[in-house]
Amino acid sequence: MPDTTETYAVIKTGGKQYRVIEGQTLLVERLTGDEGSKLDLETLLVAGGGDASFDAASLKKATVQAEIVGHERGPKLRVFKFKPKRGYKRRTGHRQELTRIRVIGIGSGNQKGS
């Protein structure tokens, strides 16, 4: 059972969604920016301490900051096209451009008492 006191967020980048916690490192689709630069990620949900916020008003205030650790390339994938009885064969490859990021801060935007 997951720890309910831990603050986590669900972010969206590169057409995919990731569940992240502070200090986590992950590989995402290539992002613009140099190594060491900081960026804000699109937040879809912030939860922790037993409550979650995913309405538009609180998500505008919520922030997830990340730091670019480095740019990498994924494994080489072989793409092979073949049509039987026609002598048609094509082999190509693909390596995805990736960026390794580290989540440095999750701000919920819920300022209680203000």
PDB file of N, CA and C in Angstrom:
ATOM      1  N   MET A   1       0.845  -1.186   0.000  1.00  0.00           N
ATOM      2  CA  MET A   1       0.000   0.000   0.000  1.00  0.00           C
ATOM      3  C   MET A   1       0.882   1.238   0.000  1.00  0.00           C
ATOM      4  N   PRO A   2       0.633   2.213  -0.879  1.00  0.00           N
ATOM      5  CA  PRO A   2       1.488   3.393  -0.952  1.00  0.00           C
ATOM      6  C   PRO A   2       1.362   4.264   0.294  1.00  0.00           C
ATOM      7  N   ASP A   3       2.443   4.975   0.579  1.00  0.00           N
ATOM      8  CA  ASP A   3       2.488   5.884   1.713  1.00  0.00           C
ATOM      9  C   ASP A   3       1.657   7.120   1.388  1.00  0.00           C
ATOM     10  N   THR A   4       0.643   7.436   2.230  1.00  0.00           N
ATOM     11  CA  THR A   4      -0.252   8.554   1.935  1.00  0.00           C
ATOM     12  C   THR A   4       0.324   9.892   2.381  1.00  0.00           C
ATOM     13  N   THR A   5       1.396   9.886   3.183  1.00  0.00           N
ATOM     14  CA  THR A   5       1.969  11.150   3.634  1.00  0.00           C
ATOM     15  C   THR A   5       2.949  11.714   2.617  1.00  0.00           C
ATOM     16  N   GLU A   6       3.404  10.896   1.698  1.00  0.00           N
ATOM     17  CA  GLU A   6       4.366  11.322   0.696  1.00  0.00           C
ATOM     18  C   GLU A   6       3.676  12.155  -0.389  1.00  0.00           C
ATOM     19  N   THR A   7       4.229  13.326  -0.677  1.00  0.00           N
ATOM     20  CA  THR A   7       3.662  14.171  -1.715  1.00  0.00           C
ATOM     21  C   THR A   7       4.164  13.705  -3.072  1.00  0.00           C
ATOM     22  N   TYR A   8       3.240  13.482  -3.981  1.00  0.00           N
ATOM     23  CA  TYR A   8       3.606  13.092  -5.332  1.00  0.00           C
ATOM     24  C   TYR A   8       2.765  13.886  -6.313  1.00  0.00           C
ATOM     25  N   ALA A   9       3.177  13.855  -7.566  1.00  0.00           N
ATOM     26  CA  ALA A   9       2.452  14.561  -8.617  1.00  0.00           C
ATOM     27  C   ALA A   9       2.420  13.680  -9.859  1.00  0.00           C
ATOM     28  N   VAL A  10       1.425  13.925 -10.686  1.00  0.00           N
ATOM     29  CA  VAL A  10       1.352  13.296 -12.006  1.00  0.00           C
ATOM     30  C   VAL A  10       1.595  14.409 -13.016  1.00  0.00           C
ATOM     31  N   ILE A  11       2.639  14.231 -13.823  1.00  0.00           N
ATOM     32  CA  ILE A  11       3.014  15.249 -14.802  1.00  0.00           C
ATOM     33  C   ILE A  11       2.798  14.701 -16.203  1.00  0.00           C
ATOM     34  N   LYS A  12       2.767  15.621 -17.164  1.00  0.00           N
ATOM     35  CA  LYS A  12       2.614  15.231 -18.563  1.00  0.00           C
ATOM     36  C   LYS A  12       3.737  15.878 -19.361  1.00  0.00           C
ATOM     37  N   THR A  13       4.480  15.069 -20.083  1.00  0.00           N
ATOM     38  CA  THR A  13       5.520  15.576 -20.970  1.00  0.00           C
ATOM     39  C   THR A  13       5.742  14.561 -22.082  1.00  0.00           C
ATOM     40  N   GLY A  14       5.908  15.049 -23.286  1.00  0.00           N
ATOM     41  CA  GLY A  14       6.154  14.170 -24.430  1.00  0.00           C
ATOM     42  C   GLY A  14       4.990  13.261 -24.763  1.00  0.00           C
ATOM     43  N   GLY A  15       3.759  13.671 -24.417  1.00  0.00           N
ATOM     44  CA  GLY A  15       2.607  12.849 -24.714  1.00  0.00           C
ATOM     45  C   GLY A  15       2.404  11.689 -23.758  1.00  0.00           C
ATOM     46  N   LYS A  16       3.198  11.632 -22.690  1.00  0.00           N
ATOM     47  CA  LYS A  16       3.081  10.563 -21.704  1.00  0.00           C
ATOM     48  C   LYS A  16       2.876  11.172 -20.328  1.00  0.00           C
ATOM     49  N   GLN A  17       2.358  10.374 -19.404  1.00  0.00           N
ATOM     50  CA  GLN A  17       2.141  10.829 -18.038  1.00  0.00           C
ATOM     51  C   GLN A  17       3.034  10.030 -17.101  1.00  0.00           C
ATOM     52  N   TYR A  18       3.587  10.705 -16.101  1.00  0.00           N
ATOM     53  CA  TYR A  18       4.492  10.082 -15.154  1.00  0.00           C
ATOM     54  C   TYR A  18       4.084  10.448 -13.736  1.00  0.00           C
ATOM     55  N   ARG A  19       4.176   9.504 -12.816  1.00  0.00           N
ATOM     56  CA  ARG A  19       3.962   9.766 -11.397  1.00  0.00           C
ATOM     57  C   ARG A  19       5.344  10.016 -10.805  1.00  0.00           C
ATOM     58  N   VAL A  20       5.541  11.192 -10.219  1.00  0.00           N
ATOM     59  CA  VAL A  20       6.871  11.564  -9.735  1.00  0.00           C
ATOM     60  C   VAL A  20       6.808  11.993  -8.274  1.00  0.00           C
ATOM     61  N   ILE A  21       7.933  11.802  -7.592  1.00  0.00           N
ATOM     62  CA  ILE A  21       8.128  12.314  -6.239  1.00  0.00           C
ATOM     63  C   ILE A  21       9.384  13.169  -6.256  1.00  0.00           C
ATOM     64  N   GLU A  22       9.569  13.952  -5.225  1.00  0.00           N
ATOM     65  CA  GLU A  22      10.727  14.839  -5.168  1.00  0.00           C
ATOM     66  C   GLU A  22      12.008  14.015  -5.064  1.00  0.00           C
ATOM     67  N   GLY A  23      13.000  14.372  -5.868  1.00  0.00           N
ATOM     68  CA  GLY A  23      14.277  13.670  -5.884  1.00  0.00           C
ATOM     69  C   GLY A  23      14.357  12.543  -6.898  1.00  0.00           C
ATOM     70  N   GLN A  24      13.267  12.211  -7.544  1.00  0.00           N
ATOM     71  CA  GLN A  24      13.235  11.114  -8.517  1.00  0.00           C
ATOM     72  C   GLN A  24      13.899  11.527  -9.821  1.00  0.00           C
ATOM     73  N   THR A  25      14.594  10.585 -10.459  1.00  0.00           N
ATOM     74  CA  THR A  25      15.214  10.795 -11.761  1.00  0.00           C
ATOM     75  C   THR A  25      14.498   9.906 -12.769  1.00  0.00           C
ATOM     76  N   LEU A  26      14.169  10.473 -13.948  1.00  0.00           N
ATOM     77  CA  LEU A  26      13.495   9.673 -14.955  1.00  0.00           C
ATOM     78  C   LEU A  26      13.878  10.131 -16.351  1.00  0.00           C
ATOM     79  N   LEU A  27      13.677   9.223 -17.317  1.00  0.00           N
ATOM     80  CA  LEU A  27      13.940   9.498 -18.728  1.00  0.00           C
ATOM     81  C   LEU A  27      12.637   9.875 -19.416  1.00  0.00           C
ATOM     82  N   VAL A  28      12.645  11.002 -20.118  1.00  0.00           N
ATOM     83  CA  VAL A  28      11.473  11.455 -20.856  1.00  0.00           C
ATOM     84  C   VAL A  28      11.898  11.770 -22.281  1.00  0.00           C
ATOM     85  N   GLU A  29      10.918  12.031 -23.136  1.00  0.00           N
ATOM     86  CA  GLU A  29      11.220  12.432 -24.515  1.00  0.00           C
ATOM     87  C   GLU A  29      12.053  13.708 -24.498  1.00  0.00           C
ATOM     88  N   ARG A  30      12.820  13.941 -25.544  1.00  0.00           N
ATOM     89  CA  ARG A  30      13.771  15.048 -25.598  1.00  0.00           C
ATOM     90  C   ARG A  30      13.107  16.381 -25.288  1.00  0.00           C
ATOM     91  N   LEU A  31      13.709  17.128 -24.334  1.00  0.00           N
ATOM     92  CA  LEU A  31      13.254  18.466 -23.969  1.00  0.00           C
ATOM     93  C   LEU A  31      14.321  19.469 -24.368  1.00  0.00           C
ATOM     94  N   THR A  32      13.896  20.680 -24.680  1.00  0.00           N
ATOM     95  CA  THR A  32      14.864  21.710 -25.021  1.00  0.00           C
ATOM     96  C   THR A  32      15.464  22.268 -23.738  1.00  0.00           C
ATOM     97  N   GLY A  33      16.718  22.585 -23.785  1.00  0.00           N
ATOM     98  CA  GLY A  33      17.399  23.140 -22.627  1.00  0.00           C
ATOM     99  C   GLY A  33      18.757  22.491 -22.459  1.00  0.00           C
ATOM    100  N   ASP A  34      19.649  23.202 -21.775  1.00  0.00           N
ATOM    101  CA  ASP A  34      20.988  22.695 -21.532  1.00  0.00           C
ATOM    102  C   ASP A  34      21.020  21.921 -20.227  1.00  0.00           C
ATOM    103  N   GLU A  35      22.092  21.140 -20.043  1.00  0.00           N
ATOM    104  CA  GLU A  35      22.267  20.408 -18.798  1.00  0.00           C
ATOM    105  C   GLU A  35      22.374  21.390 -17.639  1.00  0.00           C
ATOM    106  N   GLY A  36      21.681  21.082 -16.546  1.00  0.00           N
ATOM    107  CA  GLY A  36      21.698  21.944 -15.383  1.00  0.00           C
ATOM    108  C   GLY A  36      20.614  23.001 -15.373  1.00  0.00           C
ATOM    109  N   SER A  37      19.927  23.192 -16.490  1.00  0.00           N
ATOM    110  CA  SER A  37      18.860  24.199 -16.519  1.00  0.00           C
ATOM    111  C   SER A  37      17.603  23.641 -15.859  1.00  0.00           C
ATOM    112  N   LYS A  38      16.803  24.525 -15.311  1.00  0.00           N
ATOM    113  CA  LYS A  38      15.593  24.145 -14.604  1.00  0.00           C
ATOM    114  C   LYS A  38      14.377  24.451 -15.480  1.00  0.00           C
ATOM    115  N   LEU A  39      13.323  23.650 -15.317  1.00  0.00           N
ATOM    116  CA  LEU A  39      12.110  23.853 -16.094  1.00  0.00           C
ATOM    117  C   LEU A  39      10.898  23.466 -15.269  1.00  0.00           C
ATOM    118  N   ASP A  40       9.745  24.026 -15.625  1.00  0.00           N
ATOM    119  CA  ASP A  40       8.473  23.700 -14.987  1.00  0.00           C
ATOM    120  C   ASP A  40       7.735  22.711 -15.876  1.00  0.00           C
ATOM    121  N   LEU A  41       7.172  21.670 -15.267  1.00  0.00           N
ATOM    122  CA  LEU A  41       6.461  20.639 -16.007  1.00  0.00           C
ATOM    123  C   LEU A  41       4.956  20.806 -15.839  1.00  0.00           C
ATOM    124  N   GLU A  42       4.200  20.367 -16.831  1.00  0.00           N
ATOM    125  CA  GLU A  42       2.739  20.463 -16.784  1.00  0.00           C
ATOM    126  C   GLU A  42       2.196  19.478 -15.751  1.00  0.00           C
ATOM    127  N   THR A  43       1.437  19.993 -14.789  1.00  0.00           N
ATOM    128  CA  THR A  43       0.930  19.190 -13.683  1.00  0.00           C
ATOM    129  C   THR A  43      -0.515  18.786 -13.942  1.00  0.00           C
ATOM    130  N   LEU A  44      -0.805  17.486 -13.748  1.00  0.00           N
ATOM    131  CA  LEU A  44      -2.157  16.982 -13.909  1.00  0.00           C
ATOM    132  C   LEU A  44      -2.809  16.665 -12.570  1.00  0.00           C
ATOM    133  N   LEU A  45      -1.997  16.350 -11.536  1.00  0.00           N
ATOM    134  CA  LEU A  45      -2.520  15.994 -10.231  1.00  0.00           C
ATOM    135  C   LEU A  45      -1.422  16.187  -9.205  1.00  0.00           C
ATOM    136  N   VAL A  46      -1.774  16.686  -8.032  1.00  0.00           N
ATOM    137  CA  VAL A  46      -0.853  16.760  -6.898  1.00  0.00           C
ATOM    138  C   VAL A  46      -1.555  16.123  -5.724  1.00  0.00           C
ATOM    139  N   ALA A  47      -0.896  15.159  -5.067  1.00  0.00           N
ATOM    140  CA  ALA A  47      -1.508  14.455  -3.949  1.00  0.00           C
ATOM    141  C   ALA A  47      -0.474  14.219  -2.863  1.00  0.00           C
ATOM    142  N   GLY A  48      -0.969  14.015  -1.675  1.00  0.00           N
ATOM    143  CA  GLY A  48      -0.115  13.728  -0.535  1.00  0.00           C
ATOM    144  C   GLY A  48      -0.789  14.182   0.733  1.00  0.00           C
ATOM    145  N   GLY A  49      -0.459  13.517   1.835  1.00  0.00           N
ATOM    146  CA  GLY A  49      -1.078  13.869   3.094  1.00  0.00           C
ATOM    147  C   GLY A  49      -2.546  13.509   3.159  1.00  0.00           C
ATOM    148  N   GLY A  50      -2.995  12.600   2.312  1.00  0.00           N
ATOM    149  CA  GLY A  50      -4.374  12.150   2.343  1.00  0.00           C
ATOM    150  C   GLY A  50      -5.323  12.914   1.452  1.00  0.00           C
ATOM    151  N   ASP A  51      -4.884  14.006   0.815  1.00  0.00           N
ATOM    152  CA  ASP A  51      -5.785  14.739  -0.074  1.00  0.00           C
ATOM    153  C   ASP A  51      -5.118  14.936  -1.427  1.00  0.00           C
ATOM    154  N   ALA A  52      -5.949  15.074  -2.440  1.00  0.00           N
ATOM    155  CA  ALA A  52      -5.449  15.258  -3.802  1.00  0.00           C
ATOM    156  C   ALA A  52      -6.124  16.468  -4.414  1.00  0.00           C
ATOM    157  N   SER A  53      -5.401  17.168  -5.264  1.00  0.00           N
ATOM    158  CA  SER A  53      -5.991  18.296  -5.976  1.00  0.00           C
ATOM    159  C   SER A  53      -5.752  18.112  -7.468  1.00  0.00           C
ATOM    160  N   PHE A  54      -6.842  18.150  -8.212  1.00  0.00           N
ATOM    161  CA  PHE A  54      -6.746  17.995  -9.657  1.00  0.00           C
ATOM    162  C   PHE A  54      -7.709  18.906 -10.392  1.00  0.00           C
ATOM    163  N   ASP A  55      -8.283  19.908  -9.689  1.00  0.00           N
ATOM    164  CA  ASP A  55      -9.131  20.867 -10.377  1.00  0.00           C
ATOM    165  C   ASP A  55      -8.267  21.968 -10.987  1.00  0.00           C
ATOM    166  N   ALA A  56      -8.796  22.641 -11.968  1.00  0.00           N
ATOM    167  CA  ALA A  56      -8.017  23.600 -12.760  1.00  0.00           C
ATOM    168  C   ALA A  56      -7.478  24.747 -11.917  1.00  0.00           C
ATOM    169  N   ALA A  57      -8.250  25.223 -10.947  1.00  0.00           N
ATOM    170  CA  ALA A  57      -7.819  26.374 -10.145  1.00  0.00           C
ATOM    171  C   ALA A  57      -6.591  26.052  -9.299  1.00  0.00           C
ATOM    172  N   SER A  58      -6.581  24.883  -8.657  1.00  0.00           N
ATOM    173  CA  SER A  58      -5.428  24.540  -7.821  1.00  0.00           C
ATOM    174  C   SER A  58      -4.237  24.076  -8.650  1.00  0.00           C
ATOM    175  N   LEU A  59      -4.494  23.519  -9.836  1.00  0.00           N
ATOM    176  CA  LEU A  59      -3.378  23.081 -10.677  1.00  0.00           C
ATOM    177  C   LEU A  59      -2.644  24.261 -11.305  1.00  0.00           C
ATOM    178  N   LYS A  60      -3.323  25.415 -11.470  1.00  0.00           N
ATOM    179  CA  LYS A  60      -2.625  26.602 -11.965  1.00  0.00           C
ATOM    180  C   LYS A  60      -1.587  27.064 -10.970  1.00  0.00           C
ATOM    181  N   LYS A  61      -1.879  26.885  -9.666  1.00  0.00           N
ATOM    182  CA  LYS A  61      -0.946  27.281  -8.613  1.00  0.00           C
ATOM    183  C   LYS A  61       0.112  26.217  -8.357  1.00  0.00           C
ATOM    184  N   ALA A  62      -0.194  24.960  -8.671  1.00  0.00           N
ATOM    185  CA  ALA A  62       0.731  23.862  -8.412  1.00  0.00           C
ATOM    186  C   ALA A  62       1.914  23.917  -9.376  1.00  0.00           C
ATOM    187  N   THR A  63       3.088  23.591  -8.853  1.00  0.00           N
ATOM    188  CA  THR A  63       4.290  23.595  -9.681  1.00  0.00           C
ATOM    189  C   THR A  63       5.088  22.318  -9.444  1.00  0.00           C
ATOM    190  N   VAL A  64       5.663  21.825 -10.508  1.00  0.00           N
ATOM    191  CA  VAL A  64       6.621  20.734 -10.432  1.00  0.00           C
ATOM    192  C   VAL A  64       7.855  21.211 -11.176  1.00  0.00           C
ATOM    193  N   GLN A  65       8.942  21.402 -10.444  1.00  0.00           N
ATOM    194  CA  GLN A  65      10.179  21.873 -11.046  1.00  0.00           C
ATOM    195  C   GLN A  65      11.136  20.709 -11.217  1.00  0.00           C
ATOM    196  N   ALA A  66      11.835  20.715 -12.341  1.00  0.00           N
ATOM    197  CA  ALA A  66      12.795  19.664 -12.643  1.00  0.00           C
ATOM    198  C   ALA A  66      14.076  20.279 -13.172  1.00  0.00           C
ATOM    199  N   GLU A  67      15.145  19.532 -13.034  1.00  0.00           N
ATOM    200  CA  GLU A  67      16.452  19.957 -13.524  1.00  0.00           C
ATOM    201  C   GLU A  67      16.906  18.957 -14.580  1.00  0.00           C
ATOM    202  N   ILE A  68      17.438  19.441 -15.674  1.00  0.00           N
ATOM    203  CA  ILE A  68      17.927  18.559 -16.732  1.00  0.00           C
ATOM    204  C   ILE A  68      19.289  18.017 -16.322  1.00  0.00           C
ATOM    205  N   VAL A  69      19.377  16.699 -16.201  1.00  0.00           N
ATOM    206  CA  VAL A  69      20.626  16.044 -15.817  1.00  0.00           C
ATOM    207  C   VAL A  69      21.487  15.802 -17.048  1.00  0.00           C
ATOM    208  N   GLY A  70      20.863  15.388 -18.153  1.00  0.00           N
ATOM    209  CA  GLY A  70      21.622  15.142 -19.373  1.00  0.00           C
ATOM    210  C   GLY A  70      20.725  14.689 -20.505  1.00  0.00           C
ATOM    211  N   HIS A  71      21.304  14.723 -21.704  1.00  0.00           N
ATOM    212  CA  HIS A  71      20.595  14.260 -22.891  1.00  0.00           C
ATOM    213  C   HIS A  71      21.200  12.931 -23.316  1.00  0.00           C
ATOM    214  N   GLU A  72      20.349  11.972 -23.655  1.00  0.00           N
ATOM    215  CA  GLU A  72      20.802  10.628 -24.010  1.00  0.00           C
ATOM    216  C   GLU A  72      20.054  10.150 -25.251  1.00  0.00           C
ATOM    217  N   ARG A  73      20.445   8.974 -25.708  1.00  0.00           N
ATOM    218  CA  ARG A  73      19.734   8.315 -26.796  1.00  0.00           C
ATOM    219  C   ARG A  73      19.344   6.923 -26.335  1.00  0.00           C
ATOM    220  N   GLY A  74      18.163   6.506 -26.728  1.00  0.00           N
ATOM    221  CA  GLY A  74      17.658   5.195 -26.332  1.00  0.00           C
ATOM    222  C   GLY A  74      18.322   4.074 -27.108  1.00  0.00           C
ATOM    223  N   PRO A  75      17.915   2.859 -26.848  1.00  0.00           N
ATOM    224  CA  PRO A  75      18.499   1.718 -27.563  1.00  0.00           C
ATOM    225  C   PRO A  75      18.108   1.724 -29.030  1.00  0.00           C
ATOM    226  N   LYS A  76      18.959   1.121 -29.856  1.00  0.00           N
ATOM    227  CA  LYS A  76      18.666   1.055 -31.282  1.00  0.00           C
ATOM    228  C   LYS A  76      17.580   0.012 -31.530  1.00  0.00           C
ATOM    229  N   LEU A  77      16.559   0.442 -32.258  1.00  0.00           N
ATOM    230  CA  LEU A  77      15.471  -0.456 -32.625  1.00  0.00           C
ATOM    231  C   LEU A  77      15.573  -0.756 -34.105  1.00  0.00           C
ATOM    232  N   ARG A  78      15.429  -2.016 -34.462  1.00  0.00           N
ATOM    233  CA  ARG A  78      15.457  -2.428 -35.856  1.00  0.00           C
ATOM    234  C   ARG A  78      14.044  -2.489 -36.394  1.00  0.00           C
ATOM    235  N   VAL A  79      13.821  -1.856 -37.538  1.00  0.00           N
ATOM    236  CA  VAL A  79      12.523  -1.887 -38.203  1.00  0.00           C
ATOM    237  C   VAL A  79      12.729  -2.633 -39.512  1.00  0.00           C
ATOM    238  N   PHE A  80      11.997  -3.728 -39.684  1.00  0.00           N
ATOM    239  CA  PHE A  80      12.163  -4.562 -40.869  1.00  0.00           C
ATOM    240  C   PHE A  80      10.836  -4.680 -41.589  1.00  0.00           C
ATOM    241  N   LYS A  81      10.809  -4.260 -42.849  1.00  0.00           N
ATOM    242  CA  LYS A  81       9.606  -4.378 -43.680  1.00  0.00           C
ATOM    243  C   LYS A  81       9.826  -5.528 -44.662  1.00  0.00           C
ATOM    244  N   PHE A  82       8.782  -6.321 -44.870  1.00  0.00           N
ATOM    245  CA  PHE A  82       8.905  -7.493 -45.719  1.00  0.00           C
ATOM    246  C   PHE A  82       7.559  -7.794 -46.357  1.00  0.00           C
ATOM    247  N   LYS A  83       7.574  -8.036 -47.668  1.00  0.00           N
ATOM    248  CA  LYS A  83       6.365  -8.470 -48.364  1.00  0.00           C
ATOM    249  C   LYS A  83       6.691  -9.804 -49.042  1.00  0.00           C
ATOM    250  N   PRO A  84       5.989 -10.847 -48.656  1.00  0.00           N
ATOM    251  CA  PRO A  84       6.321 -12.164 -49.216  1.00  0.00           C
ATOM    252  C   PRO A  84       6.011 -12.265 -50.712  1.00  0.00           C
ATOM    253  N   LYS A  85       6.789 -13.048 -51.403  1.00  0.00           N
ATOM    254  CA  LYS A  85       6.633 -13.364 -52.826  1.00  0.00           C
ATOM    255  C   LYS A  85       6.835 -12.159 -53.736  1.00  0.00           C
ATOM    256  N   ARG A  86       7.412 -11.075 -53.235  1.00  0.00           N
ATOM    257  CA  ARG A  86       7.632  -9.899 -54.059  1.00  0.00           C
ATOM    258  C   ARG A  86       9.079  -9.436 -54.043  1.00  0.00           C
ATOM    259  N   GLY A  87       9.903 -10.032 -53.229  1.00  0.00           N
ATOM    260  CA  GLY A  87      11.314  -9.646 -53.163  1.00  0.00           C
ATOM    261  C   GLY A  87      11.542  -8.292 -52.504  1.00  0.00           C
ATOM    262  N   TYR A  88      10.573  -7.841 -51.700  1.00  0.00           N
ATOM    263  CA  TYR A  88      10.677  -6.536 -51.057  1.00  0.00           C
ATOM    264  C   TYR A  88      11.118  -6.702 -49.614  1.00  0.00           C
ATOM    265  N   LYS A  89      12.297  -6.147 -49.289  1.00  0.00           N
ATOM    266  CA  LYS A  89      12.806  -6.166 -47.922  1.00  0.00           C
ATOM    267  C   LYS A  89      13.477  -4.835 -47.646  1.00  0.00           C
ATOM    268  N   ARG A  90      13.179  -4.243 -46.527  1.00  0.00           N
ATOM    269  CA  ARG A  90      13.821  -2.996 -46.111  1.00  0.00           C
ATOM    270  C   ARG A  90      14.159  -3.085 -44.632  1.00  0.00           C
ATOM    271  N   ARG A  91      15.354  -2.700 -44.279  1.00  0.00           N
ATOM    272  CA  ARG A  91      15.730  -2.673 -42.876  1.00  0.00           C
ATOM    273  C   ARG A  91      16.193  -1.268 -42.536  1.00  0.00           C
ATOM    274  N   THR A  92      15.572  -0.682 -41.523  1.00  0.00           N
ATOM    275  CA  THR A  92      15.974   0.629 -41.036  1.00  0.00           C
ATOM    276  C   THR A  92      16.101   0.546 -39.519  1.00  0.00           C
ATOM    277  N   GLY A  93      16.621   1.586 -38.932  1.00  0.00           N
ATOM    278  CA  GLY A  93      16.770   1.619 -37.490  1.00  0.00           C
ATOM    279  C   GLY A  93      16.269   2.930 -36.924  1.00  0.00           C
ATOM    280  N   HIS A  94      16.132   2.956 -35.611  1.00  0.00           N
ATOM    281  CA  HIS A  94      15.670   4.164 -34.932  1.00  0.00           C
ATOM    282  C   HIS A  94      16.257   4.209 -33.531  1.00  0.00           C
ATOM    283  N   ARG A  95      16.719   5.394 -33.127  1.00  0.00           N
ATOM    284  CA  ARG A  95      17.150   5.616 -31.744  1.00  0.00           C
ATOM    285  C   ARG A  95      16.436   6.862 -31.248  1.00  0.00           C
ATOM    286  N   GLN A  96      15.675   6.711 -30.175  1.00  0.00           N
ATOM    287  CA  GLN A  96      14.891   7.819 -29.636  1.00  0.00           C
ATOM    288  C   GLN A  96      15.787   8.790 -28.872  1.00  0.00           C
ATOM    289  N   GLU A  97      15.566  10.072 -29.087  1.00  0.00           N
ATOM    290  CA  GLU A  97      16.270  11.116 -28.339  1.00  0.00           C
ATOM    291  C   GLU A  97      15.575  11.281 -26.985  1.00  0.00           C
ATOM    292  N   LEU A  98      16.328  11.188 -25.897  1.00  0.00           N
ATOM    293  CA  LEU A  98      15.765  11.228 -24.557  1.00  0.00           C
ATOM    294  C   LEU A  98      16.471  12.275 -23.705  1.00  0.00           C
ATOM    295  N   THR A  99      15.807  12.705 -22.644  1.00  0.00           N
ATOM    296  CA  THR A  99      16.376  13.632 -21.675  1.00  0.00           C
ATOM    297  C   THR A  99      16.176  13.044 -20.290  1.00  0.00           C
ATOM    298  N   ARG A 100      17.242  13.005 -19.500  1.00  0.00           N
ATOM    299  CA  ARG A 100      17.149  12.550 -18.115  1.00  0.00           C
ATOM    300  C   ARG A 100      16.928  13.773 -17.236  1.00  0.00           C
ATOM    301  N   ILE A 101      15.840  13.761 -16.448  1.00  0.00           N
ATOM    302  CA  ILE A 101      15.528  14.885 -15.577  1.00  0.00           C
ATOM    303  C   ILE A 101      15.450  14.412 -14.126  1.00  0.00           C
ATOM    304  N   ARG A 102      15.671  15.346 -13.202  1.00  0.00           N
ATOM    305  CA  ARG A 102      15.538  15.089 -11.773  1.00  0.00           C
ATOM    306  C   ARG A 102      14.506  16.065 -11.221  1.00  0.00           C
ATOM    307  N   VAL A 103      13.499  15.555 -10.533  1.00  0.00           N
ATOM    308  CA  VAL A 103      12.457  16.398  -9.942  1.00  0.00           C
ATOM    309  C   VAL A 103      13.047  17.031  -8.683  1.00  0.00           C
ATOM    310  N   ILE A 104      13.059  18.377  -8.646  1.00  0.00           N
ATOM    311  CA  ILE A 104      13.678  19.060  -7.506  1.00  0.00           C
ATOM    312  C   ILE A 104      12.653  19.709  -6.591  1.00  0.00           C
ATOM    313  N   GLY A 105      11.412  19.819  -7.017  1.00  0.00           N
ATOM    314  CA  GLY A 105      10.416  20.423  -6.142  1.00  0.00           C
ATOM    315  C   GLY A 105       9.002  20.204  -6.623  1.00  0.00           C
ATOM    316  N   ILE A 106       8.110  19.935  -5.647  1.00  0.00           N
ATOM    317  CA  ILE A 106       6.685  19.813  -5.928  1.00  0.00           C
ATOM    318  C   ILE A 106       5.964  20.767  -5.002  1.00  0.00           C
ATOM    319  N   GLY A 107       5.308  21.757  -5.596  1.00  0.00           N
ATOM    320  CA  GLY A 107       4.529  22.712  -4.826  1.00  0.00           C
ATOM    321  C   GLY A 107       3.057  22.515  -5.101  1.00  0.00           C
ATOM    322  N   SER A 108       2.285  22.267  -4.062  1.00  0.00           N
ATOM    323  CA  SER A 108       0.872  21.928  -4.249  1.00  0.00           C
ATOM    324  C   SER A 108       0.019  23.140  -4.597  1.00  0.00           C
ATOM    325  N   GLY A 109       0.430  24.335  -4.165  1.00  0.00           N
ATOM    326  CA  GLY A 109      -0.370  25.519  -4.432  1.00  0.00           C
ATOM    327  C   GLY A 109      -1.501  25.706  -3.444  1.00  0.00           C
ATOM    328  N   ASN A 110      -1.688  24.755  -2.534  1.00  0.00           N
ATOM    329  CA  ASN A 110      -2.713  24.880  -1.502  1.00  0.00           C
ATOM    330  C   ASN A 110      -2.114  25.583  -0.302  1.00  0.00           C
ATOM    331  N   GLN A 111      -2.271  26.894  -0.243  1.00  0.00           N
ATOM    332  CA  GLN A 111      -1.742  27.684   0.873  1.00  0.00           C
ATOM    333  C   GLN A 111      -2.835  27.817   1.912  1.00  0.00           C
ATOM    334  N   LYS A 112      -2.775  27.015   2.953  1.00  0.00           N
ATOM    335  CA  LYS A 112      -3.794  27.036   3.984  1.00  0.00           C
ATOM    336  C   LYS A 112      -3.562  28.225   4.903  1.00  0.00           C
ATOM    337  N   GLY A 113      -4.622  28.919   5.234  1.00  0.00           N
ATOM    338  CA  GLY A 113      -4.534  30.052   6.135  1.00  0.00           C
ATOM    339  C   GLY A 113      -4.255  31.366   5.439  1.00  0.00           C
ATOM    340  N   SER A 114      -4.243  31.390   4.101  1.00  0.00           N
ATOM    341  CA  SER A 114      -4.006  32.648   3.389  1.00  0.00           C
ATOM    342  C   SER A 114      -5.139  32.991   2.458  1.00  0.00           C
TER     343      SER A 114
END
